[in-house]
Amino acid sequence: MDLDFLASLEALLKERYKERPEGSYSTKLFEAGPQKILQKVGEESIEYILDAQNADKEKAVYEGADLLYHFMVSLVAQGWSLGDIIQELKKRHRS
């Protein structure tokens, strides 16, 4: 499993947030604001749930990727990080 990719994606999203390159979908989301970003997280969540309930792995994986991307965009827009989520998961985990 290549979890380093998530760190690279998060770094790219932070760069896009700061630089706002023209033509970037991430820039479009950041400029639309937190409400629009969170709306996209909700939409992608529902799409993932529906596909997972139908046991359609191909579609569920596709929508899961969309969900994770938009979730990460929401974290960056709020000034938070995947590290914050990981720390919370670690606190909850009992060996």
PDB file of N, CA and C in Angstrom:
ATOM      1  N   MET A   1       0.861  -1.173   0.000  1.00  0.00           N
ATOM      2  CA  MET A   1       0.000   0.000   0.000  1.00  0.00           C
ATOM      3  C   MET A   1       0.906   1.233   0.000  1.00  0.00           C
ATOM      4  N   ASP A   2       0.645   2.152  -0.895  1.00  0.00           N
ATOM      5  CA  ASP A   2       1.486   3.337  -1.066  1.00  0.00           C
ATOM      6  C   ASP A   2       0.866   4.540  -0.358  1.00  0.00           C
ATOM      7  N   LEU A   3       1.028   4.580   0.969  1.00  0.00           N
ATOM      8  CA  LEU A   3       0.458   5.680   1.738  1.00  0.00           C
ATOM      9  C   LEU A   3       1.250   6.972   1.571  1.00  0.00           C
ATOM     10  N   ASP A   4       2.490   6.869   1.085  1.00  0.00           N
ATOM     11  CA  ASP A   4       3.267   8.078   0.814  1.00  0.00           C
ATOM     12  C   ASP A   4       2.566   8.954  -0.214  1.00  0.00           C
ATOM     13  N   PHE A   5       1.783   8.321  -1.086  1.00  0.00           N
ATOM     14  CA  PHE A   5       1.046   9.087  -2.089  1.00  0.00           C
ATOM     15  C   PHE A   5       0.099  10.091  -1.429  1.00  0.00           C
ATOM     16  N   LEU A   6      -0.526   9.704  -0.318  1.00  0.00           N
ATOM     17  CA  LEU A   6      -1.440  10.626   0.366  1.00  0.00           C
ATOM     18  C   LEU A   6      -0.694  11.852   0.883  1.00  0.00           C
ATOM     19  N   ALA A   7       0.509  11.657   1.377  1.00  0.00           N
ATOM     20  CA  ALA A   7       1.319  12.792   1.832  1.00  0.00           C
ATOM     21  C   ALA A   7       1.670  13.691   0.653  1.00  0.00           C
ATOM     22  N   SER A   8       1.988  13.090  -0.485  1.00  0.00           N
ATOM     23  CA  SER A   8       2.309  13.875  -1.688  1.00  0.00           C
ATOM     24  C   SER A   8       1.086  14.645  -2.168  1.00  0.00           C
ATOM     25  N   LEU A   9      -0.065  13.981  -2.142  1.00  0.00           N
ATOM     26  CA  LEU A   9      -1.302  14.652  -2.559  1.00  0.00           C
ATOM     27  C   LEU A   9      -1.629  15.803  -1.622  1.00  0.00           C
ATOM     28  N   GLU A  10      -1.465  15.585  -0.330  1.00  0.00           N
ATOM     29  CA  GLU A  10      -1.730  16.659   0.628  1.00  0.00           C
ATOM     30  C   GLU A  10      -0.787  17.840   0.387  1.00  0.00           C
ATOM     31  N   ALA A  11       0.479  17.570   0.122  1.00  0.00           N
ATOM     32  CA  ALA A  11       1.435  18.650  -0.163  1.00  0.00           C
ATOM     33  C   ALA A  11       1.033  19.409  -1.424  1.00  0.00           C
ATOM     34  N   LEU A  12       0.603  18.683  -2.449  1.00  0.00           N
ATOM     35  CA  LEU A  12       0.148  19.331  -3.685  1.00  0.00           C
ATOM     36  C   LEU A  12      -1.076  20.201  -3.420  1.00  0.00           C
ATOM     37  N   LEU A  13      -2.022  19.695  -2.628  1.00  0.00           N
ATOM     38  CA  LEU A  13      -3.224  20.479  -2.318  1.00  0.00           C
ATOM     39  C   LEU A  13      -2.872  21.744  -1.535  1.00  0.00           C
ATOM     40  N   LYS A  14      -1.926  21.640  -0.625  1.00  0.00           N
ATOM     41  CA  LYS A  14      -1.495  22.827   0.124  1.00  0.00           C
ATOM     42  C   LYS A  14      -0.858  23.848  -0.813  1.00  0.00           C
ATOM     43  N   GLU A  15      -0.093  23.359  -1.767  1.00  0.00           N
ATOM     44  CA  GLU A  15       0.514  24.242  -2.766  1.00  0.00           C
ATOM     45  C   GLU A  15      -0.567  24.916  -3.615  1.00  0.00           C
ATOM     46  N   ARG A  16      -1.544  24.134  -4.032  1.00  0.00           N
ATOM     47  CA  ARG A  16      -2.640  24.690  -4.842  1.00  0.00           C
ATOM     48  C   ARG A  16      -3.441  25.716  -4.051  1.00  0.00           C
ATOM     49  N   TYR A  17      -3.634  25.456  -2.769  1.00  0.00           N
ATOM     50  CA  TYR A  17      -4.355  26.392  -1.914  1.00  0.00           C
ATOM     51  C   TYR A  17      -3.615  27.732  -1.849  1.00  0.00           C
ATOM     52  N   LYS A  18      -2.312  27.642  -1.715  1.00  0.00           N
ATOM     53  CA  LYS A  18      -1.484  28.847  -1.583  1.00  0.00           C
ATOM     54  C   LYS A  18      -1.345  29.589  -2.910  1.00  0.00           C
ATOM     55  N   GLU A  19      -1.058  28.855  -3.994  1.00  0.00           N
ATOM     56  CA  GLU A  19      -0.730  29.484  -5.272  1.00  0.00           C
ATOM     57  C   GLU A  19      -1.932  29.706  -6.192  1.00  0.00           C
ATOM     58  N   ARG A  20      -2.975  28.912  -6.035  1.00  0.00           N
ATOM     59  CA  ARG A  20      -4.205  29.014  -6.830  1.00  0.00           C
ATOM     60  C   ARG A  20      -3.946  29.071  -8.345  1.00  0.00           C
ATOM     61  N   PRO A  21      -3.280  28.055  -8.896  1.00  0.00           N
ATOM     62  CA  PRO A  21      -3.009  28.085 -10.337  1.00  0.00           C
ATOM     63  C   PRO A  21      -4.303  28.034 -11.155  1.00  0.00           C
ATOM     64  N   GLU A  22      -4.333  28.825 -12.196  1.00  0.00           N
ATOM     65  CA  GLU A  22      -5.496  28.895 -13.069  1.00  0.00           C
ATOM     66  C   GLU A  22      -5.716  27.547 -13.748  1.00  0.00           C
ATOM     67  N   GLY A  23      -6.966  27.140 -13.866  1.00  0.00           N
ATOM     68  CA  GLY A  23      -7.313  25.903 -14.541  1.00  0.00           C
ATOM     69  C   GLY A  23      -7.290  24.673 -13.651  1.00  0.00           C
ATOM     70  N   SER A  24      -6.877  24.814 -12.403  1.00  0.00           N
ATOM     71  CA  SER A  24      -6.825  23.690 -11.473  1.00  0.00           C
ATOM     72  C   SER A  24      -8.202  23.477 -10.838  1.00  0.00           C
ATOM     73  N   TYR A  25      -8.669  22.228 -10.833  1.00  0.00           N
ATOM     74  CA  TYR A  25      -9.941  21.918 -10.181  1.00  0.00           C
ATOM     75  C   TYR A  25      -9.856  22.218  -8.688  1.00  0.00           C
ATOM     76  N   SER A  26      -8.711  21.941  -8.092  1.00  0.00           N
ATOM     77  CA  SER A  26      -8.533  22.234  -6.666  1.00  0.00           C
ATOM     78  C   SER A  26      -8.668  23.733  -6.410  1.00  0.00           C
ATOM     79  N   THR A  27      -8.083  24.544  -7.276  1.00  0.00           N
ATOM     80  CA  THR A  27      -8.210  26.004  -7.153  1.00  0.00           C
ATOM     81  C   THR A  27      -9.672  26.408  -7.217  1.00  0.00           C
ATOM     82  N   LYS A  28     -10.392  25.832  -8.156  1.00  0.00           N
ATOM     83  CA  LYS A  28     -11.825  26.136  -8.306  1.00  0.00           C
ATOM     84  C   LYS A  28     -12.568  25.834  -7.002  1.00  0.00           C
ATOM     85  N   LEU A  29     -12.257  24.704  -6.391  1.00  0.00           N
ATOM     86  CA  LEU A  29     -12.906  24.357  -5.127  1.00  0.00           C
ATOM     87  C   LEU A  29     -12.521  25.326  -4.016  1.00  0.00           C
ATOM     88  N   PHE A  30     -11.227  25.619  -3.889  1.00  0.00           N
ATOM     89  CA  PHE A  30     -10.789  26.526  -2.836  1.00  0.00           C
ATOM     90  C   PHE A  30     -11.442  27.897  -2.986  1.00  0.00           C
ATOM     91  N   GLU A  31     -11.561  28.357  -4.213  1.00  0.00           N
ATOM     92  CA  GLU A  31     -12.165  29.672  -4.440  1.00  0.00           C
ATOM     93  C   GLU A  31     -13.671  29.663  -4.227  1.00  0.00           C
ATOM     94  N   ALA A  32     -14.303  28.493  -4.353  1.00  0.00           N
ATOM     95  CA  ALA A  32     -15.740  28.389  -4.111  1.00  0.00           C
ATOM     96  C   ALA A  32     -16.062  28.479  -2.623  1.00  0.00           C
ATOM     97  N   GLY A  33     -15.078  28.154  -1.787  1.00  0.00           N
ATOM     98  CA  GLY A  33     -15.250  28.298  -0.346  1.00  0.00           C
ATOM     99  C   GLY A  33     -15.619  27.017   0.375  1.00  0.00           C
ATOM    100  N   PRO A  34     -15.545  27.082   1.706  1.00  0.00           N
ATOM    101  CA  PRO A  34     -15.756  25.900   2.539  1.00  0.00           C
ATOM    102  C   PRO A  34     -17.120  25.233   2.345  1.00  0.00           C
ATOM    103  N   GLN A  35     -18.170  26.003   2.204  1.00  0.00           N
ATOM    104  CA  GLN A  35     -19.500  25.404   2.065  1.00  0.00           C
ATOM    105  C   GLN A  35     -19.582  24.524   0.825  1.00  0.00           C
ATOM    106  N   LYS A  36     -19.057  25.007  -0.283  1.00  0.00           N
ATOM    107  CA  LYS A  36     -19.078  24.230  -1.528  1.00  0.00           C
ATOM    108  C   LYS A  36     -18.218  22.980  -1.382  1.00  0.00           C
ATOM    109  N   ILE A  37     -17.076  23.120  -0.759  1.00  0.00           N
ATOM    110  CA  ILE A  37     -16.192  21.970  -0.568  1.00  0.00           C
ATOM    111  C   ILE A  37     -16.892  20.917   0.286  1.00  0.00           C
ATOM    112  N   LEU A  38     -17.501  21.341   1.382  1.00  0.00           N
ATOM    113  CA  LEU A  38     -18.189  20.393   2.260  1.00  0.00           C
ATOM    114  C   LEU A  38     -19.403  19.780   1.566  1.00  0.00           C
ATOM    115  N   GLN A  39     -20.051  20.539   0.717  1.00  0.00           N
ATOM    116  CA  GLN A  39     -21.155  19.992  -0.077  1.00  0.00           C
ATOM    117  C   GLN A  39     -20.644  18.859  -0.963  1.00  0.00           C
ATOM    118  N   LYS A  40     -19.476  19.061  -1.580  1.00  0.00           N
ATOM    119  CA  LYS A  40     -18.887  18.016  -2.424  1.00  0.00           C
ATOM    120  C   LYS A  40     -18.534  16.780  -1.597  1.00  0.00           C
ATOM    121  N   VAL A  41     -18.031  16.975  -0.372  1.00  0.00           N
ATOM    122  CA  VAL A  41     -17.735  15.841   0.499  1.00  0.00           C
ATOM    123  C   VAL A  41     -19.016  15.050   0.748  1.00  0.00           C
ATOM    124  N   GLY A  42     -20.101  15.752   1.022  1.00  0.00           N
ATOM    125  CA  GLY A  42     -21.382  15.088   1.253  1.00  0.00           C
ATOM    126  C   GLY A  42     -21.880  14.340   0.027  1.00  0.00           C
ATOM    127  N   GLU A  43     -21.795  14.974  -1.130  1.00  0.00           N
ATOM    128  CA  GLU A  43     -22.240  14.336  -2.376  1.00  0.00           C
ATOM    129  C   GLU A  43     -21.441  13.065  -2.651  1.00  0.00           C
ATOM    130  N   GLU A  44     -20.131  13.167  -2.506  1.00  0.00           N
ATOM    131  CA  GLU A  44     -19.281  12.010  -2.781  1.00  0.00           C
ATOM    132  C   GLU A  44     -19.520  10.902  -1.758  1.00  0.00           C
ATOM    133  N   SER A  45     -19.813  11.271  -0.520  1.00  0.00           N
ATOM    134  CA  SER A  45     -20.134  10.277   0.505  1.00  0.00           C
ATOM    135  C   SER A  45     -21.368   9.476   0.116  1.00  0.00           C
ATOM    136  N   ILE A  46     -22.399  10.174  -0.309  1.00  0.00           N
ATOM    137  CA  ILE A  46     -23.645   9.511  -0.707  1.00  0.00           C
ATOM    138  C   ILE A  46     -23.404   8.602  -1.910  1.00  0.00           C
ATOM    139  N   GLU A  47     -22.666   9.095  -2.889  1.00  0.00           N
ATOM    140  CA  GLU A  47     -22.390   8.276  -4.075  1.00  0.00           C
ATOM    141  C   GLU A  47     -21.615   7.017  -3.699  1.00  0.00           C
ATOM    142  N   TYR A  48     -20.643   7.159  -2.796  1.00  0.00           N
ATOM    143  CA  TYR A  48     -19.886   5.992  -2.339  1.00  0.00           C
ATOM    144  C   TYR A  48     -20.811   4.994  -1.630  1.00  0.00           C
ATOM    145  N   ILE A  49     -21.628   5.492  -0.731  1.00  0.00           N
ATOM    146  CA  ILE A  49     -22.530   4.622   0.028  1.00  0.00           C
ATOM    147  C   ILE A  49     -23.449   3.843  -0.903  1.00  0.00           C
ATOM    148  N   LEU A  50     -24.031   4.532  -1.869  1.00  0.00           N
ATOM    149  CA  LEU A  50     -24.949   3.858  -2.789  1.00  0.00           C
ATOM    150  C   LEU A  50     -24.254   2.758  -3.575  1.00  0.00           C
ATOM    151  N   ASP A  51     -23.064   3.045  -4.071  1.00  0.00           N
ATOM    152  CA  ASP A  51     -22.333   2.037  -4.844  1.00  0.00           C
ATOM    153  C   ASP A  51     -21.872   0.879  -3.955  1.00  0.00           C
ATOM    154  N   ALA A  52     -21.461   1.184  -2.732  1.00  0.00           N
ATOM    155  CA  ALA A  52     -21.040   0.126  -1.810  1.00  0.00           C
ATOM    156  C   ALA A  52     -22.227  -0.755  -1.421  1.00  0.00           C
ATOM    157  N   GLN A  53     -23.394  -0.150  -1.215  1.00  0.00           N
ATOM    158  CA  GLN A  53     -24.582  -0.935  -0.882  1.00  0.00           C
ATOM    159  C   GLN A  53     -24.958  -1.873  -2.016  1.00  0.00           C
ATOM    160  N   ASN A  54     -24.688  -1.460  -3.229  1.00  0.00           N
ATOM    161  CA  ASN A  54     -24.979  -2.294  -4.401  1.00  0.00           C
ATOM    162  C   ASN A  54     -23.849  -3.273  -4.702  1.00  0.00           C
ATOM    163  N   ALA A  55     -22.846  -3.298  -3.836  1.00  0.00           N
ATOM    164  CA  ALA A  55     -21.688  -4.190  -3.987  1.00  0.00           C
ATOM    165  C   ALA A  55     -21.009  -4.017  -5.346  1.00  0.00           C
ATOM    166  N   ASP A  56     -21.016  -2.773  -5.836  1.00  0.00           N
ATOM    167  CA  ASP A  56     -20.357  -2.460  -7.107  1.00  0.00           C
ATOM    168  C   ASP A  56     -18.966  -1.924  -6.786  1.00  0.00           C
ATOM    169  N   LYS A  57     -18.026  -2.836  -6.679  1.00  0.00           N
ATOM    170  CA  LYS A  57     -16.677  -2.458  -6.240  1.00  0.00           C
ATOM    171  C   LYS A  57     -16.050  -1.406  -7.143  1.00  0.00           C
ATOM    172  N   GLU A  58     -16.148  -1.570  -8.450  1.00  0.00           N
ATOM    173  CA  GLU A  58     -15.509  -0.623  -9.372  1.00  0.00           C
ATOM    174  C   GLU A  58     -16.024   0.795  -9.150  1.00  0.00           C
ATOM    175  N   LYS A  59     -17.340   0.943  -9.085  1.00  0.00           N
ATOM    176  CA  LYS A  59     -17.918   2.277  -8.870  1.00  0.00           C
ATOM    177  C   LYS A  59     -17.630   2.787  -7.458  1.00  0.00           C
ATOM    178  N   ALA A  60     -17.703   1.898  -6.460  1.00  0.00           N
ATOM    179  CA  ALA A  60     -17.456   2.311  -5.077  1.00  0.00           C
ATOM    180  C   ALA A  60     -16.013   2.786  -4.896  1.00  0.00           C
ATOM    181  N   VAL A  61     -15.065   2.097  -5.522  1.00  0.00           N
ATOM    182  CA  VAL A  61     -13.665   2.515  -5.445  1.00  0.00           C
ATOM    183  C   VAL A  61     -13.488   3.875  -6.110  1.00  0.00           C
ATOM    184  N   TYR A  62     -14.120   4.073  -7.265  1.00  0.00           N
ATOM    185  CA  TYR A  62     -14.051   5.349  -7.977  1.00  0.00           C
ATOM    186  C   TYR A  62     -14.602   6.475  -7.092  1.00  0.00           C
ATOM    187  N   GLU A  63     -15.780   6.230  -6.516  1.00  0.00           N
ATOM    188  CA  GLU A  63     -16.399   7.254  -5.664  1.00  0.00           C
ATOM    189  C   GLU A  63     -15.629   7.422  -4.358  1.00  0.00           C
ATOM    190  N   GLY A  64     -15.037   6.332  -3.859  1.00  0.00           N
ATOM    191  CA  GLY A  64     -14.212   6.435  -2.662  1.00  0.00           C
ATOM    192  C   GLY A  64     -13.007   7.337  -2.891  1.00  0.00           C
ATOM    193  N   ALA A  65     -12.430   7.250  -4.085  1.00  0.00           N
ATOM    194  CA  ALA A  65     -11.305   8.128  -4.430  1.00  0.00           C
ATOM    195  C   ALA A  65     -11.766   9.584  -4.478  1.00  0.00           C
ATOM    196  N   ASP A  66     -12.940   9.808  -5.077  1.00  0.00           N
ATOM    197  CA  ASP A  66     -13.499  11.171  -5.095  1.00  0.00           C
ATOM    198  C   ASP A  66     -13.742  11.680  -3.680  1.00  0.00           C
ATOM    199  N   LEU A  67     -14.285  10.813  -2.830  1.00  0.00           N
ATOM    200  CA  LEU A  67     -14.564  11.188  -1.445  1.00  0.00           C
ATOM    201  C   LEU A  67     -13.281  11.550  -0.708  1.00  0.00           C
ATOM    202  N   LEU A  68     -12.269  10.713  -0.833  1.00  0.00           N
ATOM    203  CA  LEU A  68     -11.010  10.976  -0.144  1.00  0.00           C
ATOM    204  C   LEU A  68     -10.365  12.273  -0.633  1.00  0.00           C
ATOM    205  N   TYR A  69     -10.393  12.493  -1.946  1.00  0.00           N
ATOM    206  CA  TYR A  69      -9.833  13.730  -2.507  1.00  0.00           C
ATOM    207  C   TYR A  69     -10.555  14.952  -1.933  1.00  0.00           C
ATOM    208  N   HIS A  70     -11.890  14.950  -1.990  1.00  0.00           N
ATOM    209  CA  HIS A  70     -12.644  16.111  -1.518  1.00  0.00           C
ATOM    210  C   HIS A  70     -12.501  16.287  -0.002  1.00  0.00           C
ATOM    211  N   PHE A  71     -12.397  15.173   0.726  1.00  0.00           N
ATOM    212  CA  PHE A  71     -12.153  15.256   2.161  1.00  0.00           C
ATOM    213  C   PHE A  71     -10.814  15.934   2.428  1.00  0.00           C
ATOM    214  N   MET A  72      -9.805  15.555   1.660  1.00  0.00           N
ATOM    215  CA  MET A  72      -8.484  16.172   1.833  1.00  0.00           C
ATOM    216  C   MET A  72      -8.514  17.650   1.461  1.00  0.00           C
ATOM    217  N   VAL A  73      -9.241  18.005   0.426  1.00  0.00           N
ATOM    218  CA  VAL A  73      -9.401  19.419   0.064  1.00  0.00           C
ATOM    219  C   VAL A  73     -10.036  20.172   1.234  1.00  0.00           C
ATOM    220  N   SER A  74     -11.046  19.550   1.853  1.00  0.00           N
ATOM    221  CA  SER A  74     -11.706  20.212   2.985  1.00  0.00           C
ATOM    222  C   SER A  74     -10.746  20.415   4.147  1.00  0.00           C
ATOM    223  N   LEU A  75      -9.890  19.436   4.404  1.00  0.00           N
ATOM    224  CA  LEU A  75      -8.904  19.587   5.477  1.00  0.00           C
ATOM    225  C   LEU A  75      -7.970  20.755   5.195  1.00  0.00           C
ATOM    226  N   VAL A  76      -7.436  20.803   3.983  1.00  0.00           N
ATOM    227  CA  VAL A  76      -6.503  21.872   3.615  1.00  0.00           C
ATOM    228  C   VAL A  76      -7.194  23.238   3.710  1.00  0.00           C
ATOM    229  N   ALA A  77      -8.424  23.321   3.228  1.00  0.00           N
ATOM    230  CA  ALA A  77      -9.153  24.595   3.260  1.00  0.00           C
ATOM    231  C   ALA A  77      -9.375  25.082   4.695  1.00  0.00           C
ATOM    232  N   GLN A  78      -9.487  24.141   5.639  1.00  0.00           N
ATOM    233  CA  GLN A  78      -9.704  24.501   7.047  1.00  0.00           C
ATOM    234  C   GLN A  78      -8.389  24.749   7.790  1.00  0.00           C
ATOM    235  N   GLY A  79      -7.270  24.447   7.122  1.00  0.00           N
ATOM    236  CA  GLY A  79      -5.979  24.588   7.792  1.00  0.00           C
ATOM    237  C   GLY A  79      -5.641  23.371   8.645  1.00  0.00           C
ATOM    238  N   TRP A  80      -6.306  22.262   8.375  1.00  0.00           N
ATOM    239  CA  TRP A  80      -6.076  21.010   9.095  1.00  0.00           C
ATOM    240  C   TRP A  80      -5.290  20.072   8.201  1.00  0.00           C
ATOM    241  N   SER A  81      -4.997  18.861   8.707  1.00  0.00           N
ATOM    242  CA  SER A  81      -4.209  17.930   7.901  1.00  0.00           C
ATOM    243  C   SER A  81      -4.621  16.489   8.168  1.00  0.00           C
ATOM    244  N   LEU A  82      -4.142  15.605   7.309  1.00  0.00           N
ATOM    245  CA  LEU A  82      -4.337  14.177   7.541  1.00  0.00           C
ATOM    246  C   LEU A  82      -3.659  13.761   8.841  1.00  0.00           C
ATOM    247  N   GLY A  83      -2.580  14.436   9.178  1.00  0.00           N
ATOM    248  CA  GLY A  83      -1.894  14.160  10.434  1.00  0.00           C
ATOM    249  C   GLY A  83      -2.816  14.339  11.632  1.00  0.00           C
ATOM    250  N   ASP A  84      -3.707  15.329  11.567  1.00  0.00           N
ATOM    251  CA  ASP A  84      -4.676  15.538  12.645  1.00  0.00           C
ATOM    252  C   ASP A  84      -5.614  14.336  12.768  1.00  0.00           C
ATOM    253  N   ILE A  85      -6.041  13.812  11.634  1.00  0.00           N
ATOM    254  CA  ILE A  85      -6.935  12.653  11.616  1.00  0.00           C
ATOM    255  C   ILE A  85      -6.193  11.418  12.128  1.00  0.00           C
ATOM    256  N   ILE A  86      -4.957  11.252  11.680  1.00  0.00           N
ATOM    257  CA  ILE A  86      -4.164  10.102  12.103  1.00  0.00           C
ATOM    258  C   ILE A  86      -3.931  10.128  13.614  1.00  0.00           C
ATOM    259  N   GLN A  87      -3.638  11.294  14.154  1.00  0.00           N
ATOM    260  CA  GLN A  87      -3.426  11.414  15.600  1.00  0.00           C
ATOM    261  C   GLN A  87      -4.680  10.999  16.370  1.00  0.00           C
ATOM    262  N   GLU A  88      -5.849  11.411  15.871  1.00  0.00           N
ATOM    263  CA  GLU A  88      -7.100  11.025  16.531  1.00  0.00           C
ATOM    264  C   GLU A  88      -7.305   9.515  16.463  1.00  0.00           C
ATOM    265  N   LEU A  89      -7.010   8.930  15.312  1.00  0.00           N
ATOM    266  CA  LEU A  89      -7.139   7.472  15.180  1.00  0.00           C
ATOM    267  C   LEU A  89      -6.190   6.756  16.134  1.00  0.00           C
ATOM    268  N   LYS A  90      -4.978   7.281  16.262  1.00  0.00           N
ATOM    269  CA  LYS A  90      -4.014   6.673  17.181  1.00  0.00           C
ATOM    270  C   LYS A  90      -4.509   6.738  18.627  1.00  0.00           C
ATOM    271  N   LYS A  91      -5.117   7.872  18.996  1.00  0.00           N
ATOM    272  CA  LYS A  91      -5.658   8.003  20.361  1.00  0.00           C
ATOM    273  C   LYS A  91      -6.745   6.965  20.619  1.00  0.00           C
ATOM    274  N   ARG A  92      -7.517   6.648  19.591  1.00  0.00           N
ATOM    275  CA  ARG A  92      -8.634   5.709  19.733  1.00  0.00           C
ATOM    276  C   ARG A  92      -8.180   4.251  19.718  1.00  0.00           C
ATOM    277  N   HIS A  93      -7.036   4.001  19.128  1.00  0.00           N
ATOM    278  CA  HIS A  93      -6.548   2.628  18.963  1.00  0.00           C
ATOM    279  C   HIS A  93      -5.950   2.115  20.252  1.00  0.00           C
ATOM    280  N   ARG A  94      -6.376   0.963  20.648  1.00  0.00           N
ATOM    281  CA  ARG A  94      -5.817   0.333  21.841  1.00  0.00           C
ATOM    282  C   ARG A  94      -5.183  -0.976  21.415  1.00  0.00           C
ATOM    283  N   SER A  95      -3.910  -1.100  21.632  1.00  0.00           N
ATOM    284  CA  SER A  95      -3.180  -2.320  21.238  1.00  0.00           C
ATOM    285  C   SER A  95      -3.537  -3.489  22.118  1.00  0.00           C
TER     286      SER A  95
END
